[in-house]
Amino acid sequence: MQRTEEKTPLRRVVMASLVGTTIEWYDFFLYGSAAALVFNKLFFPSYEPLTGTLLAFGTYALGFVARPVGGIVFGHYGDRIGRKRLLMLSLILMGVATVLIGLLPTYAQIGIWAPLALITLRLVQGFAVGGEWGGAVLMAAEHGDAARRGFWASWPQAGVAAGNLLATGVLAAMALVQSEEDFLSWGWRVPFLLSALLVVVGWYIRNRVAESPLFEKELTESEIPPKLPAMEVVRERPMALVLGAGLRVGENISYYILTVFSLTYLVDVAAETRSLALNALLIGAAVQFFAIPFFAFLSDRLGRRPVYAFGGLGLAAWAFAFFPLLGSGNPGLIVLAIVVGLVLHGAMYGPQAAFISELFPTRIRYSGVSIAYQLTSIVAGSLAPIIALALYQRYDSAVPVAIYVAVTCAVSGITALLARETKGIDLRSVR
């Protein structure tokens, strides 16, 4: 029989999920910001700026390709031996890969080996973060109560905004105090090397949290854990996977347009300074950090469906105002564009953790939520900056990019309206 650890206070569980998720996504988003601002110059220097950025985004996208693999592998063992152990492993993998990126020689130093090493480490990052999300969300959702599950499960989601805030903040600080030459020479490495310290903090906090009580109860009552959880998810919950993909596609695409492509657009197209672009994103991420739990709280009161649909359909409309505001040359309007976009995104992202968790039974929930969340990333978030940049280069206009965002966000909003309401259900009753 599985040994049951002393129950951990819910606030400590939520804090551990928030801190751990913040650290892992700090590492993941740091790469995205660096791809837009640094890697095109240091690892693909023989191309003109937008083409170099396109190649840098290509290595960025590889992290998303590895995410479903990480989700399946971590989900497999997370459903068999527990959520906590896998979360600890994902934290270490992500930290090691990020620190090594900060130590990489550039193309000028070792030639083609530099981008190849960058690609390898990006794959490790993607594999690690692919296993992170499901475990972090379930630790909060399975410790919490049904009436406030949306709110409690949203804090790992807020960790994504916090990770982006931290990554952008560190880069913005380095850019502010350094010249362009010093930043490209060594300053960009500091945020990557800082990950070593953050991982130590995350390890300490997560190690003080007990295993999910729902998982331990399921393991105690079941004769044997599922042999192939991913296969059982596909066989038993195919519509849940389709629903998860619909909810994710617009949310995922819009986020990386708002946070990654916007940096390239501001710096390389609108000719704004790197500091302005990073500071605008910094403000947006700070506002979104609070918007995510707020909308999750609303989803516990009003339902997952209406809140999620508001975010999806609202962002579909905002996409057409977003790029004119970015290109306005007015710092206030640039900040407004990003803040409103990220707030509307938060209306989707806040309820999402609980919404997707409530679709799968405990014995295969880690695999189910990981596949539903991560598989869409291959064709959504991974390609979003690349598609957006290609559309802009092809048409010399941001209107096709706005249409791309609007259509996909409308899909997510409509999917939410067509879904079954799940707020308040007992996770033990999902069979």
Protein backbone atom coordinates (compact mmCIF):
# COMPACT_ATOMS: atom_id res chain seq x y z
CA MET A 1 0.00 0.00 0.00
CA GLN A 2 1.24 3.51 -0.79
CA ARG A 3 2.44 5.40 2.26
CA THR A 4 0.32 8.51 2.81
CA GLU A 5 2.30 11.59 3.78
CA GLU A 6 0.98 14.19 6.20
CA LYS A 7 -1.39 16.45 4.34
CA THR A 8 0.17 19.71 3.21
CA PRO A 9 -1.73 22.98 3.85
CA LEU A 10 -3.36 24.13 0.61
CA ARG A 11 -1.68 27.52 0.67
CA ARG A 12 1.74 25.87 0.80
CA VAL A 13 0.79 23.61 -2.10
CA VAL A 14 -0.35 26.57 -4.16
CA MET A 15 2.78 28.56 -3.29
CA ALA A 16 5.00 25.63 -4.27
CA SER A 17 3.17 25.25 -7.58
CA LEU A 18 3.37 28.99 -8.23
CA VAL A 19 7.07 29.31 -7.41
CA GLY A 20 8.11 26.16 -9.27
CA THR A 21 6.07 27.07 -12.34
CA THR A 22 7.42 30.62 -12.29
CA ILE A 23 11.00 29.31 -12.36
CA GLU A 24 10.40 26.81 -15.16
CA TRP A 25 8.56 29.29 -17.34
CA TYR A 26 11.15 31.96 -16.60
CA ASP A 27 13.64 29.61 -18.22
CA PHE A 28 11.34 28.83 -21.15
CA PHE A 29 10.31 32.43 -21.87
CA LEU A 30 13.83 33.72 -21.45
CA TYR A 31 14.70 31.79 -24.58
CA GLY A 32 11.78 33.35 -26.49
CA SER A 33 12.78 36.90 -25.60
CA ALA A 34 16.43 36.16 -26.38
CA ALA A 35 15.42 34.61 -29.72
CA ALA A 36 13.71 37.87 -30.65
CA LEU A 37 16.51 40.15 -29.45
CA VAL A 38 19.85 38.31 -29.28
CA PHE A 39 20.07 34.86 -30.88
CA ASN A 40 19.44 36.18 -34.39
CA LYS A 41 22.65 38.21 -34.08
CA LEU A 42 24.88 35.76 -32.16
CA PHE A 43 23.86 32.37 -33.56
CA PHE A 44 22.60 33.32 -37.06
CA PRO A 45 24.73 36.39 -37.87
CA SER A 46 25.07 35.93 -41.63
CA TYR A 47 21.43 36.80 -42.37
CA GLU A 48 19.54 40.08 -42.55
CA PRO A 49 17.66 40.90 -39.30
CA LEU A 50 14.18 39.51 -40.03
CA THR A 51 15.54 36.31 -41.64
CA GLY A 52 17.94 35.80 -38.74
CA THR A 53 15.03 36.24 -36.36
CA LEU A 54 13.00 33.73 -38.36
CA LEU A 55 15.80 31.17 -37.96
CA ALA A 56 16.05 31.95 -34.24
CA PHE A 57 12.30 31.42 -33.93
CA GLY A 58 12.82 28.07 -35.67
CA THR A 59 15.03 26.89 -32.81
CA TYR A 60 12.50 28.42 -30.42
CA ALA A 61 9.74 26.32 -32.01
CA LEU A 62 11.65 23.10 -31.43
CA GLY A 63 11.01 23.49 -27.72
CA PHE A 64 7.32 23.13 -28.44
CA VAL A 65 7.87 19.99 -30.50
CA ALA A 66 9.49 18.38 -27.46
CA ARG A 67 6.70 19.46 -25.10
CA PRO A 68 4.17 16.75 -26.02
CA VAL A 69 6.91 14.13 -25.68
CA GLY A 70 7.67 15.47 -22.22
CA GLY A 71 3.97 15.53 -21.42
CA ILE A 72 3.51 11.88 -22.42
CA VAL A 73 6.63 10.65 -20.59
CA PHE A 74 6.03 12.67 -17.43
CA GLY A 75 2.31 11.92 -17.56
CA HIS A 76 3.03 8.19 -17.85
CA TYR A 77 5.13 8.11 -14.70
CA GLY A 78 3.08 10.77 -12.95
CA ASP A 79 0.00 8.54 -13.22
CA ARG A 80 2.00 5.52 -12.05
CA ILE A 81 4.35 6.73 -9.29
CA GLY A 82 3.08 10.20 -8.37
CA ARG A 83 2.97 13.86 -9.30
CA LYS A 84 5.62 15.20 -6.91
CA ARG A 85 8.66 13.19 -8.05
CA LEU A 86 8.13 14.13 -11.66
CA LEU A 87 7.79 17.81 -10.82
CA MET A 88 11.14 17.74 -9.06
CA LEU A 89 12.78 16.10 -12.08
CA SER A 90 11.32 18.61 -14.53
CA LEU A 91 12.69 21.48 -12.44
CA ILE A 92 16.23 20.09 -12.51
CA LEU A 93 16.16 19.33 -16.25
CA MET A 94 14.95 22.81 -17.10
CA GLY A 95 17.49 24.51 -14.85
CA VAL A 96 20.47 22.58 -16.21
CA ALA A 97 19.49 23.26 -19.84
CA THR A 98 19.00 26.98 -19.20
CA VAL A 99 22.32 27.44 -17.43
CA LEU A 100 24.11 25.63 -20.26
CA ILE A 101 22.51 27.99 -22.80
CA GLY A 102 24.03 30.85 -20.82
CA LEU A 103 27.46 29.23 -21.19
CA LEU A 104 27.25 28.50 -24.93
CA PRO A 105 29.94 29.80 -27.31
CA THR A 106 28.53 31.84 -30.19
CA TYR A 107 28.64 31.24 -33.94
CA ALA A 108 31.69 33.49 -34.21
CA GLN A 109 33.55 31.20 -31.79
CA ILE A 110 32.64 27.65 -32.88
CA GLY A 111 30.63 28.05 -36.07
CA ILE A 112 27.75 25.69 -36.84
CA TRP A 113 28.18 23.87 -33.52
CA ALA A 114 26.78 26.89 -31.70
CA PRO A 115 23.25 26.76 -33.19
CA LEU A 116 23.29 22.95 -33.02
CA ALA A 117 24.04 23.06 -29.29
CA LEU A 118 21.36 25.72 -28.89
CA ILE A 119 18.83 23.45 -30.60
CA THR A 120 19.74 20.49 -28.37
CA LEU A 121 19.32 22.48 -25.17
CA ARG A 122 16.05 23.96 -26.43
CA LEU A 123 14.74 20.42 -26.91
CA VAL A 124 15.63 19.61 -23.31
CA GLN A 125 13.81 22.76 -22.17
CA GLY A 126 10.71 21.76 -24.12
CA PHE A 127 10.79 18.20 -22.75
CA ALA A 128 11.03 19.50 -19.18
CA VAL A 129 8.28 22.11 -19.44
CA GLY A 130 6.08 19.53 -21.19
CA GLY A 131 5.99 17.57 -17.96
CA GLU A 132 5.84 20.58 -15.66
CA TRP A 133 2.41 22.02 -16.42
CA GLY A 134 0.30 18.94 -15.79
CA GLY A 135 1.96 18.09 -12.49
CA ALA A 136 1.90 21.64 -11.13
CA VAL A 137 -1.75 22.16 -12.03
CA LEU A 138 -2.83 18.82 -10.59
CA MET A 139 -1.00 19.34 -7.30
CA ALA A 140 -3.12 22.48 -6.81
CA ALA A 141 -6.35 21.09 -8.27
CA GLU A 142 -6.24 17.74 -6.45
CA HIS A 143 -5.40 19.29 -3.09
CA GLY A 144 -8.13 21.92 -3.39
CA ASP A 145 -11.91 21.88 -2.96
CA ALA A 146 -14.49 21.79 -5.74
CA ALA A 147 -16.03 25.19 -5.02
CA ARG A 148 -12.74 27.10 -5.44
CA ARG A 149 -10.83 24.78 -7.75
CA GLY A 150 -10.68 27.31 -10.56
CA PHE A 151 -9.04 29.89 -8.29
CA TRP A 152 -6.54 27.53 -6.65
CA ALA A 153 -5.60 25.78 -9.89
CA SER A 154 -5.03 29.14 -11.58
CA TRP A 155 -1.95 29.97 -9.52
CA PRO A 156 0.34 27.67 -11.52
CA GLN A 157 -1.12 29.50 -14.54
CA ALA A 158 -0.23 32.80 -12.91
CA GLY A 159 3.27 31.35 -12.58
CA VAL A 160 3.48 31.47 -16.39
CA ALA A 161 2.85 35.23 -16.32
CA ALA A 162 5.25 35.58 -13.38
CA GLY A 163 7.91 33.64 -15.29
CA ASN A 164 7.46 35.91 -18.29
CA LEU A 165 7.54 38.93 -16.00
CA LEU A 166 10.75 37.75 -14.36
CA ALA A 167 12.45 36.84 -17.66
CA THR A 168 11.47 40.11 -19.33
CA GLY A 169 12.36 42.11 -16.21
CA VAL A 170 15.87 40.69 -15.98
CA LEU A 171 16.49 41.25 -19.69
CA ALA A 172 15.06 44.77 -19.47
CA ALA A 173 17.32 45.57 -16.51
CA MET A 174 20.39 44.29 -18.33
CA ALA A 175 19.45 46.25 -21.46
CA LEU A 176 18.91 49.40 -19.40
CA VAL A 177 22.29 49.41 -17.68
CA GLN A 178 24.38 48.18 -20.59
CA SER A 179 25.34 49.36 -24.01
CA GLU A 180 24.20 47.36 -27.01
CA GLU A 181 27.74 46.02 -27.41
CA ASP A 182 28.07 44.84 -23.81
CA PHE A 183 24.57 43.33 -23.81
CA LEU A 184 25.36 41.25 -26.89
CA SER A 185 28.83 40.42 -25.63
CA TRP A 186 27.96 39.03 -22.20
CA GLY A 187 24.95 40.73 -20.61
CA TRP A 188 22.40 38.42 -22.20
CA ARG A 189 24.06 35.45 -20.46
CA VAL A 190 23.37 36.68 -16.92
CA PRO A 191 19.61 35.89 -16.89
CA PHE A 192 20.32 32.34 -18.08
CA LEU A 193 22.98 31.74 -15.43
CA LEU A 194 20.65 33.15 -12.75
CA SER A 195 18.46 30.08 -13.27
CA ALA A 196 20.85 28.01 -11.13
CA LEU A 197 19.93 30.01 -8.03
CA LEU A 198 16.22 29.95 -8.85
CA VAL A 199 16.21 26.16 -9.22
CA VAL A 200 17.71 25.73 -5.74
CA VAL A 201 14.90 27.87 -4.31
CA GLY A 202 12.26 25.97 -6.26
CA TRP A 203 13.62 22.60 -5.17
CA TYR A 204 13.51 23.58 -1.51
CA ILE A 205 9.92 24.83 -1.69
CA ARG A 206 8.56 21.91 -3.72
CA ASN A 207 10.27 19.34 -1.51
CA ARG A 208 8.13 20.50 1.43
CA VAL A 209 4.87 19.55 -0.29
CA ALA A 210 3.20 16.14 0.09
CA GLU A 211 1.95 14.00 -2.79
CA SER A 212 -1.55 14.64 -4.19
CA PRO A 213 -4.11 13.05 -1.81
CA LEU A 214 -6.41 12.11 -4.71
CA PHE A 215 -3.58 10.27 -6.43
CA GLU A 216 -2.60 8.42 -3.24
CA LYS A 217 -6.23 7.42 -2.66
CA GLU A 218 -6.56 6.18 -6.24
CA LEU A 219 -3.32 4.21 -5.98
CA THR A 220 -4.45 2.68 -2.67
CA GLU A 221 -7.86 1.64 -3.99
CA SER A 222 -6.68 0.38 -7.40
CA GLU A 223 -5.09 -3.02 -7.75
CA ILE A 224 -2.49 -1.78 -10.24
CA PRO A 225 -1.79 1.61 -11.85
CA PRO A 226 -2.55 2.00 -15.58
CA LYS A 227 0.13 0.38 -17.74
CA LEU A 228 -0.10 2.87 -20.60
CA PRO A 229 -1.98 5.95 -19.36
CA ALA A 230 -1.59 7.85 -22.64
CA MET A 231 -3.22 5.05 -24.62
CA GLU A 232 -6.07 4.88 -22.14
CA VAL A 233 -6.60 8.63 -22.50
CA VAL A 234 -6.85 8.31 -26.28
CA ARG A 235 -9.18 5.32 -26.03
CA GLU A 236 -11.45 6.57 -23.24
CA ARG A 237 -11.42 10.37 -23.60
CA PRO A 238 -10.98 11.29 -27.28
CA MET A 239 -13.57 14.08 -27.13
CA ALA A 240 -11.87 15.57 -24.08
CA LEU A 241 -8.67 15.80 -26.12
CA VAL A 242 -10.54 17.48 -28.99
CA LEU A 243 -12.14 19.91 -26.56
CA GLY A 244 -8.77 20.65 -24.96
CA ALA A 245 -7.27 21.34 -28.40
CA GLY A 246 -10.09 23.74 -29.25
CA LEU A 247 -9.70 25.60 -25.98
CA ARG A 248 -5.94 25.79 -26.38
CA VAL A 249 -5.42 26.77 -30.02
CA GLY A 250 -6.39 30.43 -29.85
CA GLU A 251 -5.13 30.90 -26.30
CA ASN A 252 -1.73 29.44 -27.18
CA ILE A 253 -1.28 31.27 -30.50
CA SER A 254 -2.37 34.64 -29.16
CA TYR A 255 -0.04 34.43 -26.17
CA TYR A 256 3.08 34.01 -28.27
CA ILE A 257 2.00 36.73 -30.67
CA LEU A 258 1.48 39.06 -27.70
CA THR A 259 4.71 38.20 -25.91
CA VAL A 260 7.24 37.10 -28.56
CA PHE A 261 6.26 38.39 -32.00
CA SER A 262 5.38 41.78 -30.52
CA LEU A 263 9.02 42.25 -29.49
CA THR A 264 10.23 41.64 -33.04
CA TYR A 265 7.48 43.87 -34.46
CA LEU A 266 8.31 46.74 -32.12
CA VAL A 267 12.11 46.57 -32.56
CA ASP A 268 12.56 45.47 -36.20
CA VAL A 269 9.41 46.86 -37.84
CA ALA A 270 8.23 49.83 -35.76
CA ALA A 271 11.86 50.81 -34.99
CA GLU A 272 11.17 51.25 -31.28
CA THR A 273 13.93 50.75 -28.72
CA ARG A 274 14.58 47.39 -27.13
CA SER A 275 13.99 48.95 -23.70
CA LEU A 276 10.53 50.26 -24.66
CA ALA A 277 9.51 46.88 -26.07
CA LEU A 278 10.68 44.99 -22.98
CA ASN A 279 9.16 47.51 -20.56
CA ALA A 280 5.78 47.36 -22.31
CA LEU A 281 5.82 43.60 -22.04
CA LEU A 282 6.94 43.88 -18.42
CA ILE A 283 3.91 46.00 -17.54
CA GLY A 284 1.58 43.66 -19.43
CA ALA A 285 2.93 40.58 -17.67
CA ALA A 286 2.56 42.28 -14.27
CA VAL A 287 -1.10 43.11 -14.94
CA GLN A 288 -1.78 39.63 -16.29
CA PHE A 289 -0.34 38.02 -13.17
CA PHE A 290 -3.34 39.41 -11.25
CA ALA A 291 -5.85 39.02 -14.08
CA ILE A 292 -5.37 35.23 -14.26
CA PRO A 293 -6.55 34.38 -10.72
CA PHE A 294 -9.28 37.05 -10.97
CA PHE A 295 -10.85 35.44 -14.02
CA ALA A 296 -10.39 31.99 -12.47
CA PHE A 297 -12.27 33.27 -9.41
CA LEU A 298 -15.05 34.48 -11.71
CA SER A 299 -15.17 31.05 -13.36
CA ASP A 300 -15.89 29.51 -9.96
CA ARG A 301 -18.88 31.86 -9.66
CA LEU A 302 -20.15 32.28 -13.21
CA GLY A 303 -18.85 29.09 -14.84
CA ARG A 304 -15.84 28.15 -16.93
CA ARG A 305 -17.70 28.54 -20.25
CA PRO A 306 -18.77 32.21 -20.19
CA VAL A 307 -15.48 33.50 -18.76
CA TYR A 308 -13.39 31.53 -21.25
CA ALA A 309 -15.61 32.59 -24.17
CA PHE A 310 -15.32 36.25 -23.14
CA GLY A 311 -11.54 35.99 -23.32
CA GLY A 312 -11.47 34.19 -26.66
CA LEU A 313 -14.00 36.33 -28.48
CA GLY A 314 -12.73 39.53 -26.87
CA LEU A 315 -9.16 38.86 -27.98
CA ALA A 316 -10.41 37.97 -31.49
CA ALA A 317 -11.78 41.51 -31.73
CA TRP A 318 -8.78 43.17 -30.04
CA ALA A 319 -6.37 41.63 -32.55
CA PHE A 320 -7.43 44.26 -35.11
CA ALA A 321 -6.60 47.13 -32.74
CA PHE A 322 -3.41 45.53 -31.42
CA PHE A 323 -1.04 46.11 -34.33
CA PRO A 324 -2.11 49.69 -35.17
CA LEU A 325 -1.48 50.56 -31.52
CA LEU A 326 1.93 48.84 -31.58
CA GLY A 327 2.88 50.84 -34.66
CA SER A 328 1.53 54.15 -33.34
CA GLY A 329 4.88 55.35 -31.99
CA ASN A 330 3.11 56.37 -28.76
CA PRO A 331 4.55 54.54 -25.70
CA GLY A 332 1.25 54.77 -23.82
CA LEU A 333 -0.70 53.19 -26.67
CA ILE A 334 1.94 50.49 -27.08
CA VAL A 335 1.59 49.56 -23.41
CA LEU A 336 -2.21 49.67 -23.73
CA ALA A 337 -2.11 47.25 -26.68
CA ILE A 338 -0.12 44.66 -24.76
CA VAL A 339 -1.92 45.10 -21.42
CA VAL A 340 -5.43 44.70 -22.87
CA GLY A 341 -4.31 41.75 -24.98
CA LEU A 342 -2.79 39.95 -21.99
CA VAL A 343 -5.81 40.69 -19.77
CA LEU A 344 -8.15 39.15 -22.35
CA HIS A 345 -5.76 36.22 -22.68
CA GLY A 346 -5.94 35.86 -18.88
CA ALA A 347 -9.71 35.36 -19.16
CA MET A 348 -8.92 32.17 -21.08
CA TYR A 349 -5.83 31.11 -19.20
CA GLY A 350 -7.26 31.61 -15.70
CA PRO A 351 -10.08 29.01 -15.90
CA GLN A 352 -8.12 26.72 -18.23
CA ALA A 353 -6.30 24.60 -15.64
CA ALA A 354 -9.48 23.62 -13.82
CA PHE A 355 -11.49 23.32 -17.05
CA ILE A 356 -9.09 20.78 -18.58
CA SER A 357 -8.41 18.93 -15.28
CA GLU A 358 -12.14 18.33 -14.84
CA LEU A 359 -12.29 16.38 -18.11
CA PHE A 360 -10.20 13.38 -16.96
CA PRO A 361 -10.36 10.76 -14.15
CA THR A 362 -7.63 10.69 -11.50
CA ARG A 363 -5.93 7.49 -12.68
CA ILE A 364 -5.06 9.02 -16.08
CA ARG A 365 -5.42 12.72 -15.29
CA TYR A 366 -1.71 13.65 -15.48
CA SER A 367 -1.44 12.09 -18.94
CA GLY A 368 -4.78 13.50 -20.04
CA VAL A 369 -4.17 17.11 -19.11
CA SER A 370 -0.57 17.00 -20.39
CA ILE A 371 -1.56 15.65 -23.80
CA ALA A 372 -4.54 18.00 -24.13
CA TYR A 373 -2.39 20.99 -23.16
CA GLN A 374 0.90 20.19 -24.87
CA LEU A 375 -0.08 18.47 -28.13
CA THR A 376 -1.75 21.60 -29.46
CA SER A 377 1.47 23.53 -28.86
CA ILE A 378 3.15 21.88 -31.85
CA VAL A 379 0.81 23.55 -34.34
CA ALA A 380 -0.13 26.56 -32.20
CA GLY A 381 2.42 28.35 -30.01
CA SER A 382 5.49 26.85 -31.66
CA LEU A 383 4.58 28.12 -35.11
CA ALA A 384 2.80 31.34 -34.11
CA PRO A 385 5.82 33.71 -34.23
CA ILE A 386 7.11 32.01 -37.40
CA ILE A 387 3.73 32.23 -39.17
CA ALA A 388 3.24 35.81 -38.02
CA LEU A 389 6.67 36.86 -39.26
CA ALA A 390 6.19 35.04 -42.57
CA LEU A 391 2.79 36.69 -43.07
CA TYR A 392 4.24 40.11 -42.38
CA GLN A 393 7.16 39.54 -44.76
CA ARG A 394 4.83 38.24 -47.48
CA TYR A 395 2.22 41.01 -47.31
CA ASP A 396 4.19 43.84 -45.70
CA SER A 397 1.20 44.36 -43.44
CA ALA A 398 0.09 43.27 -39.97
CA VAL A 399 -3.54 42.79 -41.06
CA PRO A 400 -3.04 39.11 -42.08
CA VAL A 401 -1.42 38.49 -38.67
CA ALA A 402 -4.45 40.05 -36.96
CA ILE A 403 -6.77 37.81 -38.98
CA TYR A 404 -4.69 34.77 -37.99
CA VAL A 405 -5.01 35.64 -34.29
CA ALA A 406 -8.70 36.55 -34.55
CA VAL A 407 -9.75 33.31 -36.26
CA THR A 408 -7.92 31.06 -33.81
CA CYS A 409 -9.18 32.96 -30.76
CA ALA A 410 -12.72 32.74 -32.09
CA VAL A 411 -12.28 28.96 -32.32
CA SER A 412 -11.32 28.83 -28.63
CA GLY A 413 -14.20 31.09 -27.61
CA ILE A 414 -16.77 29.06 -29.55
CA THR A 415 -15.32 25.79 -28.21
CA ALA A 416 -15.86 27.06 -24.66
CA LEU A 417 -19.50 27.89 -25.43
CA LEU A 418 -20.09 24.42 -26.91
CA ALA A 419 -18.43 22.60 -24.00
CA ARG A 420 -20.19 21.10 -21.00
CA GLU A 421 -19.97 23.23 -17.86
CA THR A 422 -17.69 21.60 -15.29
CA LYS A 423 -17.40 24.10 -12.43
CA GLY A 424 -17.98 22.67 -8.99
CA ILE A 425 -17.82 18.98 -9.91
CA ASP A 426 -16.15 16.50 -7.56
CA LEU A 427 -12.97 15.20 -9.23
CA ARG A 428 -13.55 11.83 -7.58
CA SER A 429 -16.79 11.50 -9.56
CA VAL A 430 -15.03 11.79 -12.93
CA ARG A 431 -14.76 8.20 -14.16
